[in-house]
Structure formats: structure tokens, C-alpha cells
């Protein structure tokens, strides 16, 4: 390790590793990860769009467990509609092996020149008045203070680094999904489709079944924090599995939380930028966030390089990162949050009506906006509140 760095990135998920790789092309960069093993445990259904991934990386065969053509959406009464991968959103296209994918992104950061430190937990920030000047770290029982010109926080949901800097990263129960997922075998899945289950068996969220190999895949659900009703997400998941996949065998369990909120009010402070889940850059409808994590990480890394070239780490310079991500995907996050807030109020009966209204349509030929306009036109009273968004 060096005595100090131009850039320190806290958290080696996709956002952090991509930010570190981008910055390390021109700067002395350090990537720290609190766990001893990058990519484990997996807290993700592992779906990603082909187009989205290809925008930032050349897909590698070893990253991809399965390639799917589209999705099936099941109403509470079992009625299903089928949509193409392009319409299904950012979670459909490839089903990844996140353990391999995340480790390769960290390797890419190291190959670009970043130093990498695992089992290194950030415990605080080094500050000079209101400017962040580095990170305090606990590594293998040793307390370290590592100076840096720029800190990029990629430390996940309710980012501690952000809070230490005075940014409110807490989430209300209505803005976080409590998720549980089994990797299961002996399950009958359509191998070229990701399946989504709507309704009260996953209140305020949805269930999913993503195939990874023959008769095996990720079976999970998310329940809105405000709808848990005294139960745990795993309790909802066990009931979901018993109903839909009673013969399946549980191989692995992962649990975690996903923001389904607006982005944090500000993602920058002098000397600091927030990316990925730390910035609440996940899609409020699906809870997925890999693509936004890659884009946000790249944008933060580029602005960090610019700040180092200018030797100016002020809010004025780092604000270019916030302006860039808001221009790229900020409006979509805002729109999808309003859609999410509307849909979580719908009953099972309402959801059945919506899915029934799509039966018989050639959905593959429609855009997302066109599809929503068609749904609204067939359910005008139910969906009046969404009309202005499309």
C-alpha cells in the first residue's frame, strides 16, 4: 500500500470496482472491501439486460449462467403474459454468475492499476472542516488512516460513508424491499424465460424465478418493509416456494435489502461521491441496479480523474458527477418511483384486471411507453394517476 492515494473506493461491488478501474487508468487508486471474498454472498437475482451489459463490458462466457429471451408475468390468479427481453426491463437477458462477475470486475480494477484490500472495513472519514480527506480503516485488527483526495462510497444500502459525511442515506420502510432468495434444484422452470409473480404473496414487491441451469435457478421474492406485518421475508419465501415449487430442493439462501426509493438528495460532498446502492440508484420498480451501478461507477471515476488533473476536489467540480447521472438515468428513476408508489397500492383484484387487459396483445411489437399507454387506455379509472407519466 501507498501512504496516500488520489482516490479511495469503499466497496467492491459492481459500482465500486468499475469506479476504481476507471479512476486507476490515470490516478493512484485504492479499492477496499469489508468482506474477505468479493462477490460472496450473492444478494441479487442475477438478471441483467444484454444491451445494458454490452454498453459497458464485453460479456464473458464465464459470467453467464443462462441466456433468456424474455419474461413471463403472472397475475395473482395465475394468468400470465409473455414479453420480450427488450420490454422486460434491465433484469432480463442474461442470468449471471455474480460471484464470478464481481470478482472479475475487481480483477479489472487491479489490472488497471488499483490497489485492492479485502477484509478492510471503513470505520470513519478523515475530514478537514467540511472536506473529506481520506478513510479510516480497520484491516486485520490494525487501525489505519489512509489519506485521499477523493473518496467514492460504494458501500451499499444505507451507506455509512455517506452518513459520516452528513448525507441522509436512511430508508423508510416503504422504500426498501426485504428480500430472500434460495438457489434451488429440482424445480421446473422455463429455461429461456425469467418469471415474475405479482400479488399479495409478496406484498408491495414481487416473486421471481430465474433459471440458471437445467431444473435449477434462483427463486426469491421481495416484500416492502412497510408490508412485512410481523413476518420475515424468508417466511413469505417459504410459502411462495411451497405453492409454486413444492418439489424443489434448497441449496443456498441469501437475504438482504434493496432500495426502491428516490435517489439520495445529494450524491456529492467536497472530496466525496456516492455510487450504486449507496446513492439509491436501483430501479424503484424492480429493485435491480447493476446497469446503473456500472454507469454511475464509470461517471464517478471519470469525474475523479478530472478532479485530480485539476487538483480541485471542491463541490463545484464533483457536482459534475451528479449532473451527469441525473441527465443519464435520473429522470427514469424519478418516473419509476412514482409508478412504484402507485402500483404498491393495487389489490390482487386490480392486478388481475391489468394482466387480463393485456391478453391477446402482440406485446413484443410495442415499446414500454406504448405498452403502458395501452394498459392505461384499457383501465382508465384504475390507472388515471399514471396517465401524465406516459
Protein backbone atom coordinates (compact mmCIF):
# COMPACT_ATOMS: atom_id res chain seq x y z
CA UNK A 1 0.00 0.00 0.00
CA UNK A 2 0.97 3.58 -0.61
CA UNK A 3 0.98 6.17 2.14
CA UNK A 4 -1.82 8.11 0.39
CA UNK A 5 -3.99 7.90 -2.71
CA UNK A 6 -5.66 10.13 -5.23
CA UNK A 7 -8.84 8.05 -4.99
CA UNK A 8 -10.17 5.56 -2.43
CA UNK A 9 -13.25 3.50 -3.32
CA UNK A 10 -15.14 1.88 -0.45
CA UNK A 11 -16.94 -1.29 -1.54
CA UNK A 12 -16.02 -3.77 -4.30
CA UNK A 13 -19.42 -4.40 -5.84
CA UNK A 14 -20.02 -3.53 -9.50
CA UNK A 15 -20.25 0.23 -8.85
CA UNK A 16 -17.12 0.36 -6.71
CA UNK A 17 -14.97 -1.89 -8.90
CA UNK A 18 -15.99 -0.04 -12.06
CA UNK A 19 -15.25 3.32 -10.44
CA UNK A 20 -11.84 2.07 -9.27
CA UNK A 21 -10.95 0.67 -12.69
CA UNK A 22 -11.94 3.93 -14.38
CA UNK A 23 -10.03 6.12 -11.94
CA UNK A 24 -6.95 3.87 -11.85
CA UNK A 25 -6.30 4.50 -15.54
CA UNK A 26 -4.83 7.88 -14.54
CA UNK A 27 -4.76 8.03 -10.73
CA UNK A 28 -3.36 6.22 -7.71
CA UNK A 29 -6.47 4.33 -6.60
CA UNK A 30 -7.28 2.01 -3.70
CA UNK A 31 -10.31 -0.29 -3.60
CA UNK A 32 -11.29 -1.62 -0.17
CA UNK A 33 -13.82 -4.36 0.62
CA UNK A 34 -15.03 -5.34 4.09
CA UNK A 35 -15.59 -8.99 3.21
CA UNK A 36 -12.81 -11.49 2.73
CA UNK A 37 -14.30 -12.77 -0.51
CA UNK A 38 -15.52 -10.44 -3.25
CA UNK A 39 -18.87 -11.43 -4.75
CA UNK A 40 -19.95 -13.61 -1.84
CA UNK A 41 -22.66 -13.73 -0.57
CA UNK A 42 -24.80 -13.00 -3.62
CA UNK A 43 -27.58 -10.54 -2.78
CA UNK A 44 -29.13 -10.37 -6.22
CA UNK A 45 -31.46 -12.32 -8.51
CA UNK A 46 -28.55 -12.05 -11.02
CA UNK A 47 -30.55 -10.86 -14.01
CA UNK A 48 -29.23 -8.19 -16.37
CA UNK A 49 -30.12 -6.94 -19.85
CA UNK A 50 -27.85 -7.93 -22.72
CA UNK A 51 -27.84 -4.44 -24.19
CA UNK A 52 -27.14 -2.82 -20.83
CA UNK A 53 -24.20 -5.09 -20.05
CA UNK A 54 -22.73 -4.75 -23.54
CA UNK A 55 -22.81 -0.97 -23.21
CA UNK A 56 -20.08 -1.14 -20.57
CA UNK A 57 -18.37 -4.52 -20.89
CA UNK A 58 -17.71 -7.26 -23.40
CA UNK A 59 -19.75 -10.15 -21.94
CA UNK A 60 -17.62 -13.13 -20.95
CA UNK A 61 -18.94 -16.67 -21.22
CA UNK A 62 -17.89 -17.49 -17.67
CA UNK A 63 -20.10 -14.68 -16.30
CA UNK A 64 -23.28 -16.05 -17.86
CA UNK A 65 -25.17 -18.93 -16.28
CA UNK A 66 -28.05 -18.70 -18.75
CA UNK A 67 -29.33 -16.61 -21.63
CA UNK A 68 -33.06 -15.88 -21.69
CA UNK A 69 -35.25 -14.50 -24.46
CA UNK A 70 -37.95 -12.81 -22.39
CA UNK A 71 -40.14 -12.93 -19.33
CA UNK A 72 -43.46 -14.22 -18.09
CA UNK A 73 -45.52 -12.11 -15.71
CA UNK A 74 -48.04 -13.97 -13.55
CA UNK A 75 -51.11 -12.31 -12.07
CA UNK A 76 -52.28 -13.40 -8.60
CA UNK A 77 -54.90 -15.67 -10.21
CA UNK A 78 -52.23 -17.41 -12.33
CA UNK A 79 -52.97 -15.63 -15.61
CA UNK A 80 -49.71 -14.96 -17.43
CA UNK A 81 -48.46 -12.70 -20.17
CA UNK A 82 -45.22 -13.12 -22.08
CA UNK A 83 -42.97 -10.22 -23.02
CA UNK A 84 -39.74 -9.94 -24.98
CA UNK A 85 -36.42 -9.29 -23.30
CA UNK A 86 -36.38 -5.68 -24.52
CA UNK A 87 -39.68 -4.96 -22.79
CA UNK A 88 -38.98 -6.96 -19.67
CA UNK A 89 -36.52 -4.38 -18.34
CA UNK A 90 -32.97 -4.32 -17.06
CA UNK A 91 -33.21 -7.63 -15.20
CA UNK A 92 -33.84 -9.88 -18.21
CA UNK A 93 -31.41 -11.07 -20.89
CA UNK A 94 -28.63 -12.86 -19.06
CA UNK A 95 -28.70 -14.63 -15.72
CA UNK A 96 -25.25 -14.02 -14.30
CA UNK A 97 -22.90 -15.85 -12.01
CA UNK A 98 -22.43 -12.84 -9.74
CA UNK A 99 -19.63 -14.41 -7.72
CA UNK A 100 -17.55 -14.72 -10.89
CA UNK A 101 -18.77 -11.43 -12.40
CA UNK A 102 -17.99 -9.33 -9.31
CA UNK A 103 -14.54 -10.88 -8.86
CA UNK A 104 -13.67 -10.23 -12.49
CA UNK A 105 -14.68 -6.56 -12.13
CA UNK A 106 -12.37 -6.30 -9.12
CA UNK A 107 -9.61 -8.01 -11.14
CA UNK A 108 -10.15 -5.45 -13.89
CA UNK A 109 -9.64 -2.67 -11.36
CA UNK A 110 -6.41 -4.30 -10.19
CA UNK A 111 -5.23 -4.76 -13.78
CA UNK A 112 -5.91 -1.07 -14.39
CA UNK A 113 -3.54 -0.26 -11.54
CA UNK A 114 -5.74 -0.03 -8.44
CA UNK A 115 -4.52 -1.49 -5.17
CA UNK A 116 -7.06 -3.85 -3.58
CA UNK A 117 -7.55 -4.55 0.11
CA UNK A 118 -10.05 -7.14 1.40
CA UNK A 119 -11.22 -7.60 4.99
CA UNK A 120 -10.82 -3.85 5.25
CA UNK A 121 -13.79 -2.19 6.95
CA UNK A 122 -14.21 1.58 6.73
CA UNK A 123 -14.71 2.92 10.28
CA UNK A 124 -14.79 6.66 9.62
CA UNK A 125 -13.66 9.53 7.45
CA UNK A 126 -10.68 11.84 7.67
CA UNK A 127 -12.01 15.37 7.36
CA UNK A 128 -10.69 18.90 7.21
CA UNK A 129 -13.55 21.24 8.03
CA UNK A 130 -16.25 20.15 5.52
CA UNK A 131 -13.92 18.39 3.06
CA UNK A 132 -13.33 14.63 3.02
CA UNK A 133 -9.61 13.88 3.08
CA UNK A 134 -9.45 10.09 3.36
CA UNK A 135 -10.78 6.99 5.10
CA UNK A 136 -10.23 5.36 8.48
CA UNK A 137 -9.96 1.58 8.05
CA UNK A 138 -9.83 -1.49 10.26
CA UNK A 139 -7.77 -4.15 8.49
CA UNK A 140 -6.86 -7.47 10.12
CA UNK A 141 -7.03 -5.92 13.58
CA UNK A 142 -4.99 -2.87 12.64
CA UNK A 143 -6.43 0.65 12.63
CA UNK A 144 -5.30 2.65 9.60
CA UNK A 145 -5.84 6.21 8.39
CA UNK A 146 -5.40 6.44 4.63
CA UNK A 147 -5.39 9.94 3.10
CA UNK A 148 -7.03 10.50 -0.28
CA UNK A 149 -8.07 13.43 -2.44
CA UNK A 150 -11.37 11.80 -3.45
CA UNK A 151 -13.43 9.12 -1.69
CA UNK A 152 -16.05 7.19 -3.68
CA UNK A 153 -18.63 5.49 -1.45
CA UNK A 154 -19.95 2.24 -2.90
CA UNK A 155 -20.76 0.66 0.45
CA UNK A 156 -24.32 -0.36 -0.26
CA UNK A 157 -27.77 0.24 1.18
CA UNK A 158 -27.91 2.98 3.84
CA UNK A 159 -24.27 3.87 3.19
CA UNK A 160 -22.31 4.52 6.37
CA UNK A 161 -19.73 6.55 4.48
CA UNK A 162 -22.48 8.82 3.20
CA UNK A 163 -23.89 9.26 6.69
CA UNK A 164 -20.48 10.09 8.14
CA UNK A 165 -20.28 12.85 5.54
CA UNK A 166 -23.68 14.23 6.53
CA UNK A 167 -25.77 12.74 3.72
CA UNK A 168 -29.04 11.14 4.77
CA UNK A 169 -28.89 7.61 3.32
CA UNK A 170 -31.50 6.04 5.61
CA UNK A 171 -34.57 4.46 4.05
CA UNK A 172 -38.17 4.50 5.21
CA UNK A 173 -39.79 1.06 5.48
CA UNK A 174 -41.95 1.88 2.45
CA UNK A 175 -38.82 2.49 0.39
CA UNK A 176 -36.89 -0.73 0.96
CA UNK A 177 -37.62 -4.27 -0.16
CA UNK A 178 -36.73 -7.02 2.29
CA UNK A 179 -35.53 -9.82 0.00
CA UNK A 180 -34.88 -13.52 0.41
CA UNK A 181 -33.72 -15.96 -2.24
CA UNK A 182 -32.98 -19.64 -2.50
CA UNK A 183 -30.80 -21.23 -5.13
CA UNK A 184 -32.84 -24.36 -5.79
CA UNK A 185 -32.63 -27.55 -7.79
CA UNK A 186 -35.38 -29.96 -8.87
CA UNK A 187 -37.53 -27.02 -9.99
CA UNK A 188 -39.48 -26.91 -13.26
CA UNK A 189 -38.51 -23.64 -14.93
CA UNK A 190 -38.88 -22.44 -18.49
CA UNK A 191 -35.19 -22.20 -19.32
CA UNK A 192 -35.41 -19.27 -21.73
CA UNK A 193 -37.62 -17.06 -19.54
CA UNK A 194 -37.38 -15.13 -16.28
CA UNK A 195 -40.66 -15.34 -14.36
CA UNK A 196 -42.23 -12.64 -12.17
CA UNK A 197 -45.13 -13.21 -9.76
CA UNK A 198 -47.34 -10.31 -8.70
CA UNK A 199 -49.70 -10.04 -5.77
CA UNK A 200 -50.13 -10.38 -2.06
CA UNK A 201 -47.85 -13.40 -1.67
CA UNK A 202 -45.07 -10.78 -1.97
CA UNK A 203 -46.82 -7.64 -0.57
CA UNK A 204 -45.55 -4.45 -2.15
CA UNK A 205 -42.99 -6.40 -4.19
CA UNK A 206 -42.93 -9.50 -6.37
CA UNK A 207 -41.64 -13.04 -6.56
CA UNK A 208 -39.21 -14.28 -9.16
CA UNK A 209 -37.83 -17.46 -10.70
CA UNK A 210 -34.68 -17.05 -12.78
CA UNK A 211 -33.33 -20.21 -14.47
CA UNK A 212 -29.56 -20.76 -14.25
CA UNK A 213 -29.21 -24.33 -15.48
CA UNK A 214 -31.42 -27.35 -16.18
CA UNK A 215 -34.06 -27.61 -13.43
CA UNK A 216 -32.17 -25.17 -11.19
CA UNK A 217 -32.27 -21.43 -10.55
CA UNK A 218 -32.84 -18.50 -8.23
CA UNK A 219 -36.24 -18.49 -6.52
CA UNK A 220 -36.89 -15.41 -4.43
CA UNK A 221 -39.11 -12.52 -3.51
CA UNK A 222 -39.06 -9.04 -2.07
CA UNK A 223 -41.56 -7.65 0.43
CA UNK A 224 -41.89 -3.93 1.05
CA UNK A 225 -40.61 -3.12 4.52
CA UNK A 226 -43.87 -1.44 5.47
CA UNK A 227 -45.83 -4.60 4.49
CA UNK A 228 -43.92 -7.28 6.42
CA UNK A 229 -46.71 -7.45 9.01
CA UNK A 230 -44.59 -9.12 11.68
CA UNK A 231 -43.24 -11.80 9.35
CA UNK A 232 -39.80 -12.15 7.81
CA UNK A 233 -39.15 -12.16 4.09
CA UNK A 234 -37.99 -15.77 4.37
CA UNK A 235 -41.39 -16.71 5.82
CA UNK A 236 -43.05 -15.26 2.72
CA UNK A 237 -40.50 -17.05 0.55
CA UNK A 238 -41.14 -20.45 2.14
CA UNK A 239 -44.86 -20.04 1.50
CA UNK A 240 -44.14 -18.94 -2.09
CA UNK A 241 -41.90 -21.98 -2.70
CA UNK A 242 -44.44 -24.35 -1.17
CA UNK A 243 -47.09 -23.01 -3.53
CA UNK A 244 -45.11 -22.85 -6.78
CA UNK A 245 -42.11 -25.18 -6.40
CA UNK A 246 -43.04 -27.81 -3.79
CA UNK A 247 -40.60 -30.42 -5.14
CA UNK A 248 -37.61 -28.07 -5.18
CA UNK A 249 -34.54 -28.58 -3.04
CA UNK A 250 -32.92 -25.61 -1.31
CA UNK A 251 -29.17 -25.39 -1.97
CA UNK A 252 -28.30 -21.86 -0.85
CA UNK A 253 -30.02 -18.98 0.95
CA UNK A 254 -29.30 -15.27 0.63
CA UNK A 255 -31.12 -12.36 2.25
CA UNK A 256 -30.73 -8.59 2.01
CA UNK A 257 -32.37 -5.27 1.31
CA UNK A 258 -32.86 -3.34 -1.93
CA UNK A 259 -33.73 0.37 -2.12
CA UNK A 260 -36.93 1.16 -4.01
CA UNK A 261 -36.75 4.85 -3.22
CA UNK A 262 -35.84 8.12 -4.80
CA UNK A 263 -32.11 8.69 -5.17
CA UNK A 264 -30.49 10.36 -2.17
CA UNK A 265 -30.96 14.12 -2.17
CA UNK A 266 -27.30 14.75 -2.97
CA UNK A 267 -24.61 12.29 -4.00
CA UNK A 268 -21.63 14.63 -3.58
CA UNK A 269 -19.77 16.48 -0.86
CA UNK A 270 -16.35 18.13 -1.13
CA UNK A 271 -14.00 15.19 -1.64
CA UNK A 272 -16.80 12.57 -1.79
CA UNK A 273 -19.15 10.88 -4.30
CA UNK A 274 -21.79 8.16 -3.70
CA UNK A 275 -22.48 5.45 -6.30
CA UNK A 276 -24.70 2.40 -6.76
CA UNK A 277 -26.89 1.26 -3.87
CA UNK A 278 -25.20 3.84 -1.63
CA UNK A 279 -26.76 6.53 -3.83
CA UNK A 280 -30.07 4.60 -4.08
CA UNK A 281 -29.56 4.18 -7.80
CA UNK A 282 -31.61 0.97 -8.00
CA UNK A 283 -34.76 0.84 -10.09
CA UNK A 284 -37.70 1.58 -7.75
CA UNK A 285 -39.95 -0.83 -9.65
CA UNK A 286 -37.69 -3.88 -9.87
CA UNK A 287 -35.04 -3.24 -7.22
CA UNK A 288 -32.40 -4.09 -9.84
CA UNK A 289 -29.36 -1.89 -10.13
CA UNK A 290 -26.37 -3.47 -11.89
CA UNK A 291 -26.56 -1.32 -15.04
CA UNK A 292 -26.97 1.93 -13.09
CA UNK A 293 -24.15 0.81 -10.81
CA UNK A 294 -21.80 0.36 -13.78
CA UNK A 295 -22.80 3.68 -15.32
CA UNK A 296 -22.61 5.56 -12.02
CA UNK A 297 -19.25 3.97 -11.22
CA UNK A 298 -17.84 4.98 -14.59
CA UNK A 299 -19.14 8.54 -14.28
CA UNK A 300 -17.72 8.89 -10.76
CA UNK A 301 -14.36 7.51 -11.89
CA UNK A 302 -14.22 9.95 -14.80
CA UNK A 303 -15.02 12.93 -12.58
CA UNK A 304 -12.45 11.74 -10.03
CA UNK A 305 -9.79 11.72 -12.77
CA UNK A 306 -10.82 15.20 -13.84
CA UNK A 307 -10.62 16.48 -10.27
CA UNK A 308 -7.13 15.01 -9.88
CA UNK A 309 -5.99 16.62 -13.13
CA UNK A 310 -7.33 19.97 -11.92
CA UNK A 311 -6.22 19.37 -8.32
CA UNK A 312 -9.63 20.69 -7.38
CA UNK A 313 -11.80 18.48 -5.19
CA UNK A 314 -14.44 21.07 -4.41
CA UNK A 315 -18.17 20.58 -4.54
CA UNK A 316 -18.25 22.61 -7.76
CA UNK A 317 -16.07 20.09 -9.60
CA UNK A 318 -17.53 16.90 -8.11
CA UNK A 319 -21.03 18.19 -8.84
CA UNK A 320 -20.30 17.25 -12.47
CA UNK A 321 -20.83 13.63 -11.43
CA UNK A 322 -24.28 14.34 -10.02
CA UNK A 323 -25.25 16.36 -13.08
CA UNK A 324 -24.10 13.51 -15.33
CA UNK A 325 -26.02 10.67 -13.66
CA UNK A 326 -29.16 12.78 -13.30
CA UNK A 327 -29.01 13.58 -17.02
CA UNK A 328 -28.47 9.90 -17.87
CA UNK A 329 -30.88 7.91 -15.70
CA UNK A 330 -32.16 10.31 -13.05
CA UNK A 331 -35.46 11.06 -14.80
CA UNK A 332 -36.15 7.35 -15.22
CA UNK A 333 -35.58 6.77 -11.50
CA UNK A 334 -37.96 9.61 -10.64
CA UNK A 335 -40.64 8.33 -13.01
CA UNK A 336 -40.31 4.73 -11.84
CA UNK A 337 -40.58 5.78 -8.21
CA UNK A 338 -43.94 7.39 -8.94
CA UNK A 339 -45.05 4.25 -10.79
CA UNK A 340 -43.94 2.08 -7.87
CA UNK A 341 -45.81 4.26 -5.37
CA UNK A 342 -48.96 3.79 -7.45
CA UNK A 343 -48.68 0.05 -8.05
CA UNK A 344 -47.97 -0.96 -4.44
CA UNK A 345 -51.47 0.29 -3.58
CA UNK A 346 -53.20 -2.08 -6.03
CA UNK A 347 -55.09 -5.11 -4.75
CA UNK A 348 -54.83 -8.62 -6.17
CA UNK A 349 -58.11 -7.98 -7.97
CA UNK A 350 -56.68 -4.82 -9.56
CA UNK A 351 -53.56 -6.66 -10.69
CA UNK A 352 -55.66 -9.44 -12.20
CA UNK A 353 -57.59 -6.85 -14.21
CA UNK A 354 -54.38 -5.31 -15.53
CA UNK A 355 -52.92 -8.62 -16.66
CA UNK A 356 -56.23 -9.74 -18.20
CA UNK A 357 -56.32 -6.50 -20.21
CA UNK A 358 -53.06 -7.49 -21.92
CA UNK A 359 -54.16 -10.94 -23.02
CA UNK A 360 -54.07 -11.33 -26.79
CA UNK A 361 -51.85 -8.32 -27.49
CA UNK A 362 -48.70 -8.64 -29.60
CA UNK A 363 -46.66 -7.15 -26.81
CA UNK A 364 -43.32 -7.92 -28.48
CA UNK A 365 -44.01 -5.20 -31.04
CA UNK A 366 -44.71 -2.43 -28.53
CA UNK A 367 -42.40 -0.05 -26.69
CA UNK A 368 -42.57 0.27 -22.92
CA UNK A 369 -44.34 3.61 -23.23
CA UNK A 370 -46.70 2.19 -25.85
CA UNK A 371 -47.47 -0.78 -23.63
CA UNK A 372 -48.23 1.45 -20.65
CA UNK A 373 -50.48 3.69 -22.76
CA UNK A 374 -52.35 0.59 -23.94
CA UNK A 375 -52.78 -0.65 -20.36
CA UNK A 376 -53.98 2.77 -19.21
CA UNK A 377 -56.44 3.05 -22.09
CA UNK A 378 -57.97 -0.31 -21.14
CA UNK A 379 -58.09 0.53 -17.42
CA UNK A 380 -58.73 4.29 -17.38
CA UNK A 381 -60.30 4.56 -13.94
CA UNK A 382 -57.79 2.28 -12.29
CA UNK A 383 -54.70 3.90 -13.81
CA UNK A 384 -55.77 7.54 -14.14
CA UNK A 385 -52.95 8.57 -11.79
CA UNK A 386 -50.29 7.31 -14.24
CA UNK A 387 -51.62 8.94 -17.40
CA UNK A 388 -49.40 12.03 -17.16
CA UNK A 389 -46.24 9.89 -16.99
CA UNK A 390 -46.77 8.44 -20.48
